[in-house]
Amino acid sequence: RELGALGRRVHRSWWVAADAVEGVERDGQRLTLRLSDDRRVPVGRTYRDGLRREWFLNTIAYARREHDRARRISDRTRTHVSASQEPESDGR
């Protein structure tokens, strides 16, 4: 429970760090987590509903953060490009 913010237990034999999860795969009722090192981790039935809710909410939050980050980068780039494309004043 002390490590709840860093990851979670997804199976009686598996605890997974949140940063390591790249995706969720589904095969019928079976859920599997795809980790950043390409391993596949089964999600136990006991943990499935909680993980679905949490994954869905975290995915939405992550998508919003990435969208905001991309927009900030785009705004900075556009400002930088606009400033660098302005004609130089020759003092007249």
PDB file of N, CA and C in Angstrom:
ATOM      1  N   ARG A   1       0.810  -1.198   0.000  1.00  0.00           N
ATOM      2  CA  ARG A   1       0.000   0.000   0.000  1.00  0.00           C
ATOM      3  C   ARG A   1       0.852   1.260   0.000  1.00  0.00           C
ATOM      4  N   GLU A   2       2.033   1.199   0.574  1.00  0.00           N
ATOM      5  CA  GLU A   2       2.902   2.368   0.588  1.00  0.00           C
ATOM      6  C   GLU A   2       3.372   2.732  -0.806  1.00  0.00           C
ATOM      7  N   LEU A   3       3.384   1.790  -1.713  1.00  0.00           N
ATOM      8  CA  LEU A   3       3.894   2.024  -3.066  1.00  0.00           C
ATOM      9  C   LEU A   3       2.776   2.277  -4.067  1.00  0.00           C
ATOM     10  N   GLY A   4       1.574   2.508  -3.589  1.00  0.00           N
ATOM     11  CA  GLY A   4       0.416   2.656  -4.462  1.00  0.00           C
ATOM     12  C   GLY A   4       0.572   3.681  -5.565  1.00  0.00           C
ATOM     13  N   ALA A   5       1.245   4.779  -5.286  1.00  0.00           N
ATOM     14  CA  ALA A   5       1.402   5.821  -6.299  1.00  0.00           C
ATOM     15  C   ALA A   5       2.411   5.423  -7.380  1.00  0.00           C
ATOM     16  N   LEU A   6       3.269   4.476  -7.070  1.00  0.00           N
ATOM     17  CA  LEU A   6       4.312   4.071  -8.022  1.00  0.00           C
ATOM     18  C   LEU A   6       3.887   2.927  -8.924  1.00  0.00           C
ATOM     19  N   GLY A   7       2.885   2.189  -8.523  1.00  0.00           N
ATOM     20  CA  GLY A   7       2.440   1.048  -9.301  1.00  0.00           C
ATOM     21  C   GLY A   7       1.329   0.338  -8.569  1.00  0.00           C
ATOM     22  N   ARG A   8       1.070  -0.892  -8.981  1.00  0.00           N
ATOM     23  CA  ARG A   8       0.019  -1.643  -8.315  1.00  0.00           C
ATOM     24  C   ARG A   8       0.154  -3.134  -8.568  1.00  0.00           C
ATOM     25  N   ARG A   9      -0.492  -3.863  -7.711  1.00  0.00           N
ATOM     26  CA  ARG A   9      -0.544  -5.309  -7.875  1.00  0.00           C
ATOM     27  C   ARG A   9      -1.618  -5.612  -8.909  1.00  0.00           C
ATOM     28  N   VAL A  10      -1.269  -6.420  -9.898  1.00  0.00           N
ATOM     29  CA  VAL A  10      -2.204  -6.725 -10.977  1.00  0.00           C
ATOM     30  C   VAL A  10      -2.527  -8.215 -11.054  1.00  0.00           C
ATOM     31  N   HIS A  11      -1.821  -9.000 -10.245  1.00  0.00           N
ATOM     32  CA  HIS A  11      -1.982 -10.452 -10.237  1.00  0.00           C
ATOM     33  C   HIS A  11      -1.389 -10.928  -8.923  1.00  0.00           C
ATOM     34  N   ARG A  12      -1.769 -12.084  -8.455  1.00  0.00           N
ATOM     35  CA  ARG A  12      -1.201 -12.530  -7.179  1.00  0.00           C
ATOM     36  C   ARG A  12       0.310 -12.691  -7.249  1.00  0.00           C
ATOM     37  N   SER A  13       0.835 -12.846  -8.449  1.00  0.00           N
ATOM     38  CA  SER A  13       2.281 -13.021  -8.624  1.00  0.00           C
ATOM     39  C   SER A  13       2.982 -11.804  -9.215  1.00  0.00           C
ATOM     40  N   TRP A  14       2.242 -10.727  -9.442  1.00  0.00           N
ATOM     41  CA  TRP A  14       2.836  -9.578 -10.134  1.00  0.00           C
ATOM     42  C   TRP A  14       2.463  -8.253  -9.488  1.00  0.00           C
ATOM     43  N   TRP A  15       3.467  -7.433  -9.256  1.00  0.00           N
ATOM     44  CA  TRP A  15       3.301  -6.020  -8.924  1.00  0.00           C
ATOM     45  C   TRP A  15       4.002  -5.287 -10.057  1.00  0.00           C
ATOM     46  N   VAL A  16       3.369  -4.270 -10.606  1.00  0.00           N
ATOM     47  CA  VAL A  16       3.907  -3.592 -11.785  1.00  0.00           C
ATOM     48  C   VAL A  16       4.066  -2.098 -11.504  1.00  0.00           C
ATOM     49  N   ALA A  17       5.224  -1.570 -11.840  1.00  0.00           N
ATOM     50  CA  ALA A  17       5.458  -0.126 -11.736  1.00  0.00           C
ATOM     51  C   ALA A  17       4.641   0.587 -12.808  1.00  0.00           C
ATOM     52  N   ALA A  18       3.959   1.646 -12.420  1.00  0.00           N
ATOM     53  CA  ALA A  18       3.091   2.371 -13.351  1.00  0.00           C
ATOM     54  C   ALA A  18       3.861   2.888 -14.567  1.00  0.00           C
ATOM     55  N   ASP A  19       5.084   3.349 -14.360  1.00  0.00           N
ATOM     56  CA  ASP A  19       5.882   3.890 -15.471  1.00  0.00           C
ATOM     57  C   ASP A  19       6.283   2.829 -16.488  1.00  0.00           C
ATOM     58  N   ALA A  20       6.226   1.570 -16.108  1.00  0.00           N
ATOM     59  CA  ALA A  20       6.661   0.497 -17.004  1.00  0.00           C
ATOM     60  C   ALA A  20       5.559   0.047 -17.964  1.00  0.00           C
ATOM     61  N   VAL A  21       4.317   0.429 -17.701  1.00  0.00           N
ATOM     62  CA  VAL A  21       3.197  -0.037 -18.521  1.00  0.00           C
ATOM     63  C   VAL A  21       3.101   0.786 -19.793  1.00  0.00           C
ATOM     64  N   GLU A  22       3.209   0.093 -20.924  1.00  0.00           N
ATOM     65  CA  GLU A  22       3.099   0.735 -22.237  1.00  0.00           C
ATOM     66  C   GLU A  22       1.699   0.601 -22.819  1.00  0.00           C
ATOM     67  N   GLY A  23       0.994  -0.437 -22.420  1.00  0.00           N
ATOM     68  CA  GLY A  23      -0.343  -0.632 -22.975  1.00  0.00           C
ATOM     69  C   GLY A  23      -1.064  -1.797 -22.336  1.00  0.00           C
ATOM     70  N   VAL A  24      -2.326  -1.932 -22.713  1.00  0.00           N
ATOM     71  CA  VAL A  24      -3.168  -3.029 -22.232  1.00  0.00           C
ATOM     72  C   VAL A  24      -3.670  -3.784 -23.445  1.00  0.00           C
ATOM     73  N   GLU A  25      -3.578  -5.083 -23.391  1.00  0.00           N
ATOM     74  CA  GLU A  25      -4.078  -5.923 -24.484  1.00  0.00           C
ATOM     75  C   GLU A  25      -5.208  -6.769 -23.945  1.00  0.00           C
ATOM     76  N   ARG A  26      -6.165  -7.031 -24.797  1.00  0.00           N
ATOM     77  CA  ARG A  26      -7.330  -7.809 -24.384  1.00  0.00           C
ATOM     78  C   ARG A  26      -7.531  -8.971 -25.337  1.00  0.00           C
ATOM     79  N   ASP A  27      -7.819 -10.127 -24.752  1.00  0.00           N
ATOM     80  CA  ASP A  27      -8.150 -11.318 -25.526  1.00  0.00           C
ATOM     81  C   ASP A  27      -9.381 -11.921 -24.864  1.00  0.00           C
ATOM     82  N   GLY A  28     -10.555 -11.553 -25.366  1.00  0.00           N
ATOM     83  CA  GLY A  28     -11.790 -11.974 -24.710  1.00  0.00           C
ATOM     84  C   GLY A  28     -11.892 -11.301 -23.353  1.00  0.00           C
ATOM     85  N   GLN A  29     -12.018 -12.096 -22.305  1.00  0.00           N
ATOM     86  CA  GLN A  29     -12.083 -11.565 -20.940  1.00  0.00           C
ATOM     87  C   GLN A  29     -10.695 -11.352 -20.337  1.00  0.00           C
ATOM     88  N   ARG A  30      -9.676 -11.867 -20.977  1.00  0.00           N
ATOM     89  CA  ARG A  30      -8.316 -11.830 -20.430  1.00  0.00           C
ATOM     90  C   ARG A  30      -7.629 -10.504 -20.751  1.00  0.00           C
ATOM     91  N   LEU A  31      -7.095  -9.853 -19.709  1.00  0.00           N
ATOM     92  CA  LEU A  31      -6.320  -8.626 -19.881  1.00  0.00           C
ATOM     93  C   LEU A  31      -4.850  -8.920 -19.634  1.00  0.00           C
ATOM     94  N   THR A  32      -4.005  -8.302 -20.428  1.00  0.00           N
ATOM     95  CA  THR A  32      -2.562  -8.438 -20.286  1.00  0.00           C
ATOM     96  C   THR A  32      -1.948  -7.051 -20.403  1.00  0.00           C
ATOM     97  N   LEU A  33      -0.996  -6.752 -19.536  1.00  0.00           N
ATOM     98  CA  LEU A  33      -0.276  -5.483 -19.625  1.00  0.00           C
ATOM     99  C   LEU A  33       0.969  -5.687 -20.464  1.00  0.00           C
ATOM    100  N   ARG A  34       1.247  -4.748 -21.358  1.00  0.00           N
ATOM    101  CA  ARG A  34       2.470  -4.762 -22.149  1.00  0.00           C
ATOM    102  C   ARG A  34       3.423  -3.772 -21.491  1.00  0.00           C
ATOM    103  N   LEU A  35       4.576  -4.275 -21.076  1.00  0.00           N
ATOM    104  CA  LEU A  35       5.542  -3.437 -20.381  1.00  0.00           C
ATOM    105  C   LEU A  35       6.552  -2.835 -21.341  1.00  0.00           C
ATOM    106  N   SER A  36       7.273  -1.848 -20.865  1.00  0.00           N
ATOM    107  CA  SER A  36       8.245  -1.142 -21.701  1.00  0.00           C
ATOM    108  C   SER A  36       9.380  -2.046 -22.172  1.00  0.00           C
ATOM    109  N   ASP A  37       9.637  -3.148 -21.445  1.00  0.00           N
ATOM    110  CA  ASP A  37      10.683  -4.088 -21.876  1.00  0.00           C
ATOM    111  C   ASP A  37      10.104  -5.220 -22.728  1.00  0.00           C
ATOM    112  N   ASP A  38       8.877  -5.040 -23.208  1.00  0.00           N
ATOM    113  CA  ASP A  38       8.156  -5.964 -24.094  1.00  0.00           C
ATOM    114  C   ASP A  38       7.611  -7.217 -23.396  1.00  0.00           C
ATOM    115  N   ARG A  39       7.740  -7.294 -22.076  1.00  0.00           N
ATOM    116  CA  ARG A  39       7.123  -8.422 -21.373  1.00  0.00           C
ATOM    117  C   ARG A  39       5.626  -8.231 -21.319  1.00  0.00           C
ATOM    118  N   ARG A  40       4.912  -9.333 -21.203  1.00  0.00           N
ATOM    119  CA  ARG A  40       3.461  -9.338 -21.043  1.00  0.00           C
ATOM    120  C   ARG A  40       3.144  -9.853 -19.650  1.00  0.00           C
ATOM    121  N   VAL A  41       2.288  -9.125 -18.933  1.00  0.00           N
ATOM    122  CA  VAL A  41       1.943  -9.472 -17.561  1.00  0.00           C
ATOM    123  C   VAL A  41       0.439  -9.723 -17.494  1.00  0.00           C
ATOM    124  N   PRO A  42       0.036 -10.895 -16.980  1.00  0.00           N
ATOM    125  CA  PRO A  42      -1.395 -11.168 -16.868  1.00  0.00           C
ATOM    126  C   PRO A  42      -2.027 -10.317 -15.776  1.00  0.00           C
ATOM    127  N   VAL A  43      -3.284  -9.950 -15.984  1.00  0.00           N
ATOM    128  CA  VAL A  43      -4.050  -9.241 -14.965  1.00  0.00           C
ATOM    129  C   VAL A  43      -5.048 -10.239 -14.386  1.00  0.00           C
ATOM    130  N   GLY A  44      -4.957 -10.459 -13.088  1.00  0.00           N
ATOM    131  CA  GLY A  44      -5.854 -11.401 -12.426  1.00  0.00           C
ATOM    132  C   GLY A  44      -7.282 -10.880 -12.368  1.00  0.00           C
ATOM    133  N   ARG A  45      -8.257 -11.794 -12.335  1.00  0.00           N
ATOM    134  CA  ARG A  45      -9.669 -11.397 -12.278  1.00  0.00           C
ATOM    135  C   ARG A  45      -9.955 -10.499 -11.076  1.00  0.00           C
ATOM    136  N   THR A  46      -9.308 -10.791  -9.975  1.00  0.00           N
ATOM    137  CA  THR A  46      -9.509 -10.004  -8.752  1.00  0.00           C
ATOM    138  C   THR A  46      -9.135  -8.546  -8.957  1.00  0.00           C
ATOM    139  N   TYR A  47      -8.164  -8.274  -9.807  1.00  0.00           N
ATOM    140  CA  TYR A  47      -7.626  -6.925  -9.995  1.00  0.00           C
ATOM    141  C   TYR A  47      -8.163  -6.231 -11.251  1.00  0.00           C
ATOM    142  N   ARG A  48      -8.889  -6.972 -12.068  1.00  0.00           N
ATOM    143  CA  ARG A  48      -9.299  -6.487 -13.389  1.00  0.00           C
ATOM    144  C   ARG A  48     -10.162  -5.225 -13.343  1.00  0.00           C
ATOM    145  N   ASP A  49     -11.248  -5.233 -12.569  1.00  0.00           N
ATOM    146  CA  ASP A  49     -12.158  -4.081 -12.576  1.00  0.00           C
ATOM    147  C   ASP A  49     -11.485  -2.811 -12.070  1.00  0.00           C
ATOM    148  N   GLY A  50     -10.736  -2.927 -10.986  1.00  0.00           N
ATOM    149  CA  GLY A  50     -10.027  -1.766 -10.467  1.00  0.00           C
ATOM    150  C   GLY A  50      -9.018  -1.239 -11.461  1.00  0.00           C
ATOM    151  N   LEU A  51      -8.319  -2.148 -12.121  1.00  0.00           N
ATOM    152  CA  LEU A  51      -7.318  -1.738 -13.105  1.00  0.00           C
ATOM    153  C   LEU A  51      -7.982  -1.084 -14.311  1.00  0.00           C
ATOM    154  N   ARG A  52      -9.099  -1.634 -14.753  1.00  0.00           N
ATOM    155  CA  ARG A  52      -9.806  -1.026 -15.894  1.00  0.00           C
ATOM    156  C   ARG A  52     -10.198   0.413 -15.579  1.00  0.00           C
ATOM    157  N   ARG A  53     -10.795   0.617 -14.404  1.00  0.00           N
ATOM    158  CA  ARG A  53     -11.198   1.969 -14.007  1.00  0.00           C
ATOM    159  C   ARG A  53      -9.986   2.886 -13.917  1.00  0.00           C
ATOM    160  N   GLU A  54      -8.951   2.427 -13.218  1.00  0.00           N
ATOM    161  CA  GLU A  54      -7.761   3.247 -13.027  1.00  0.00           C
ATOM    162  C   GLU A  54      -7.061   3.502 -14.355  1.00  0.00           C
ATOM    163  N   TRP A  55      -6.938   2.480 -15.175  1.00  0.00           N
ATOM    164  CA  TRP A  55      -6.258   2.635 -16.459  1.00  0.00           C
ATOM    165  C   TRP A  55      -7.005   3.637 -17.331  1.00  0.00           C
ATOM    166  N   PHE A  56      -8.325   3.523 -17.358  1.00  0.00           N
ATOM    167  CA  PHE A  56      -9.136   4.430 -18.161  1.00  0.00           C
ATOM    168  C   PHE A  56      -8.940   5.871 -17.687  1.00  0.00           C
ATOM    169  N   LEU A  57      -9.029   6.097 -16.382  1.00  0.00           N
ATOM    170  CA  LEU A  57      -8.877   7.441 -15.846  1.00  0.00           C
ATOM    171  C   LEU A  57      -7.463   7.971 -16.061  1.00  0.00           C
ATOM    172  N   ASN A  58      -6.467   7.118 -15.848  1.00  0.00           N
ATOM    173  CA  ASN A  58      -5.081   7.543 -16.054  1.00  0.00           C
ATOM    174  C   ASN A  58      -4.783   7.816 -17.524  1.00  0.00           C
ATOM    175  N   THR A  59      -5.388   7.025 -18.413  1.00  0.00           N
ATOM    176  CA  THR A  59      -5.181   7.213 -19.850  1.00  0.00           C
ATOM    177  C   THR A  59      -5.732   8.565 -20.283  1.00  0.00           C
ATOM    178  N   ILE A  60      -6.902   8.913 -19.761  1.00  0.00           N
ATOM    179  CA  ILE A  60      -7.489  10.216 -20.087  1.00  0.00           C
ATOM    180  C   ILE A  60      -6.597  11.332 -19.559  1.00  0.00           C
ATOM    181  N   ALA A  61      -6.157  11.206 -18.315  1.00  0.00           N
ATOM    182  CA  ALA A  61      -5.289  12.235 -17.717  1.00  0.00           C
ATOM    183  C   ALA A  61      -3.986  12.347 -18.495  1.00  0.00           C
ATOM    184  N   TYR A  62      -3.404  11.205 -18.881  1.00  0.00           N
ATOM    185  CA  TYR A  62      -2.145  11.203 -19.633  1.00  0.00           C
ATOM    186  C   TYR A  62      -2.349  11.870 -20.997  1.00  0.00           C
ATOM    187  N   ALA A  63      -3.441  11.536 -21.661  1.00  0.00           N
ATOM    188  CA  ALA A  63      -3.705  12.118 -22.981  1.00  0.00           C
ATOM    189  C   ALA A  63      -3.852  13.632 -22.872  1.00  0.00           C
ATOM    190  N   ARG A  64      -4.518  14.086 -21.824  1.00  0.00           N
ATOM    191  CA  ARG A  64      -4.661  15.533 -21.640  1.00  0.00           C
ATOM    192  C   ARG A  64      -3.314  16.193 -21.390  1.00  0.00           C
ATOM    193  N   ARG A  65      -2.491  15.574 -20.540  1.00  0.00           N
ATOM    194  CA  ARG A  65      -1.164  16.148 -20.257  1.00  0.00           C
ATOM    195  C   ARG A  65      -0.323  16.204 -21.524  1.00  0.00           C
ATOM    196  N   GLU A  66      -0.343  15.134 -22.313  1.00  0.00           N
ATOM    197  CA  GLU A  66       0.444  15.105 -23.555  1.00  0.00           C
ATOM    198  C   GLU A  66      -0.065  16.132 -24.555  1.00  0.00           C
ATOM    199  N   HIS A  67      -1.386  16.279 -24.634  1.00  0.00           N
ATOM    200  CA  HIS A  67      -1.965  17.273 -25.539  1.00  0.00           C
ATOM    201  C   HIS A  67      -1.526  18.675 -25.130  1.00  0.00           C
ATOM    202  N   ASP A  68      -1.611  18.963 -23.829  1.00  0.00           N
ATOM    203  CA  ASP A  68      -1.191  20.279 -23.326  1.00  0.00           C
ATOM    204  C   ASP A  68       0.297  20.510 -23.566  1.00  0.00           C
ATOM    205  N   ARG A  69       1.109  19.470 -23.333  1.00  0.00           N
ATOM    206  CA  ARG A  69       2.555  19.593 -23.538  1.00  0.00           C
ATOM    207  C   ARG A  69       2.862  19.856 -25.009  1.00  0.00           C
ATOM    208  N   ALA A  70       2.207  19.129 -25.899  1.00  0.00           N
ATOM    209  CA  ALA A  70       2.432  19.319 -27.339  1.00  0.00           C
ATOM    210  C   ALA A  70       2.007  20.722 -27.770  1.00  0.00           C
ATOM    211  N   ARG A  71       0.908  21.205 -27.207  1.00  0.00           N
ATOM    212  CA  ARG A  71       0.445  22.546 -27.545  1.00  0.00           C
ATOM    213  C   ARG A  71       1.437  23.608 -27.069  1.00  0.00           C
ATOM    214  N   ARG A  72       1.990  23.421 -25.851  1.00  0.00           N
ATOM    215  CA  ARG A  72       2.978  24.386 -25.347  1.00  0.00           C
ATOM    216  C   ARG A  72       4.219  24.384 -26.225  1.00  0.00           C
ATOM    217  N   ILE A  73       4.679  23.206 -26.627  1.00  0.00           N
ATOM    218  CA  ILE A  73       5.860  23.104 -27.493  1.00  0.00           C
ATOM    219  C   ILE A  73       5.568  23.766 -28.838  1.00  0.00           C
ATOM    220  N   SER A  74       4.382  23.516 -29.384  1.00  0.00           N
ATOM    221  CA  SER A  74       4.001  24.107 -30.665  1.00  0.00           C
ATOM    222  C   SER A  74       3.948  25.625 -30.559  1.00  0.00           C
ATOM    223  N   ASP A  75       3.382  26.126 -29.461  1.00  0.00           N
ATOM    224  CA  ASP A  75       3.311  27.577 -29.266  1.00  0.00           C
ATOM    225  C   ASP A  75       4.709  28.182 -29.179  1.00  0.00           C
ATOM    226  N   ARG A  76       5.607  27.515 -28.431  1.00  0.00           N
ATOM    227  CA  ARG A  76       6.979  28.022 -28.303  1.00  0.00           C
ATOM    228  C   ARG A  76       7.686  28.005 -29.646  1.00  0.00           C
ATOM    229  N   THR A  77       7.509  26.938 -30.402  1.00  0.00           N
ATOM    230  CA  THR A  77       8.155  26.808 -31.705  1.00  0.00           C
ATOM    231  C   THR A  77       7.626  27.875 -32.664  1.00  0.00           C
ATOM    232  N   ARG A  78       6.323  28.052 -32.664  1.00  0.00           N
ATOM    233  CA  ARG A  78       5.716  29.042 -33.547  1.00  0.00           C
ATOM    234  C   ARG A  78       6.217  30.443 -33.191  1.00  0.00           C
ATOM    235  N   THR A  79       6.308  30.752 -31.905  1.00  0.00           N
ATOM    236  CA  THR A  79       6.810  32.055 -31.461  1.00  0.00           C
ATOM    237  C   THR A  79       8.260  32.232 -31.874  1.00  0.00           C
ATOM    238  N   HIS A  80       9.066  31.180 -31.700  1.00  0.00           N
ATOM    239  CA  HIS A  80      10.485  31.242 -32.064  1.00  0.00           C
ATOM    240  C   HIS A  80      10.643  31.435 -33.564  1.00  0.00           C
ATOM    241  N   VAL A  81       9.888  30.687 -34.366  1.00  0.00           N
ATOM    242  CA  VAL A  81       9.990  30.784 -35.821  1.00  0.00           C
ATOM    243  C   VAL A  81       9.512  32.149 -36.283  1.00  0.00           C
ATOM    244  N   SER A  82       8.420  32.650 -35.711  1.00  0.00           N
ATOM    245  CA  SER A  82       7.907  33.967 -36.103  1.00  0.00           C
ATOM    246  C   SER A  82       8.932  35.052 -35.824  1.00  0.00           C
ATOM    247  N   ALA A  83       9.541  34.988 -34.662  1.00  0.00           N
ATOM    248  CA  ALA A  83      10.529  36.003 -34.300  1.00  0.00           C
ATOM    249  C   ALA A  83      11.753  35.928 -35.201  1.00  0.00           C
ATOM    250  N   SER A  84      12.154  34.732 -35.570  1.00  0.00           N
ATOM    251  CA  SER A  84      13.359  34.594 -36.393  1.00  0.00           C
ATOM    252  C   SER A  84      13.097  34.941 -37.859  1.00  0.00           C
ATOM    253  N   GLN A  85      11.826  34.974 -38.277  1.00  0.00           N
ATOM    254  CA  GLN A  85      11.501  35.278 -39.665  1.00  0.00           C
ATOM    255  C   GLN A  85      11.169  36.751 -39.884  1.00  0.00           C
ATOM    256  N   GLU A  86      11.126  37.525 -38.802  1.00  0.00           N
ATOM    257  CA  GLU A  86      10.838  38.952 -38.960  1.00  0.00           C
ATOM    258  C   GLU A  86      11.995  39.613 -39.703  1.00  0.00           C
ATOM    259  N   PRO A  87      11.687  40.520 -40.600  1.00  0.00           N
ATOM    260  CA  PRO A  87      12.775  41.203 -41.326  1.00  0.00           C
ATOM    261  C   PRO A  87      13.556  42.073 -40.361  1.00  0.00           C
ATOM    262  N   GLU A  88      14.851  42.106 -40.580  1.00  0.00           N
ATOM    263  CA  GLU A  88      15.715  42.929 -39.715  1.00  0.00           C
ATOM    264  C   GLU A  88      15.547  44.387 -40.101  1.00  0.00           C
ATOM    265  N   SER A  89      15.550  45.192 -39.075  1.00  0.00           N
ATOM    266  CA  SER A  89      15.422  46.634 -39.299  1.00  0.00           C
ATOM    267  C   SER A  89      16.778  47.191 -39.720  1.00  0.00           C
ATOM    268  N   ASP A  90      16.781  48.066 -40.732  1.00  0.00           N
ATOM    269  CA  ASP A  90      18.054  48.647 -41.158  1.00  0.00           C
ATOM    270  C   ASP A  90      18.234  50.066 -40.585  1.00  0.00           C
ATOM    271  N   GLY A  91      17.363  50.402 -39.600  1.00  0.00           N
ATOM    272  CA  GLY A  91      17.508  51.670 -38.904  1.00  0.00           C
ATOM    273  C   GLY A  91      16.826  52.832 -39.588  1.00  0.00           C
ATOM    274  N   ARG A  92      16.075  52.629 -40.632  1.00  0.00           N
ATOM    275  CA  ARG A  92      15.404  53.746 -41.317  1.00  0.00           C
ATOM    276  C   ARG A  92      14.103  54.086 -40.679  1.00  0.00           C
TER     277      ARG A  92
END
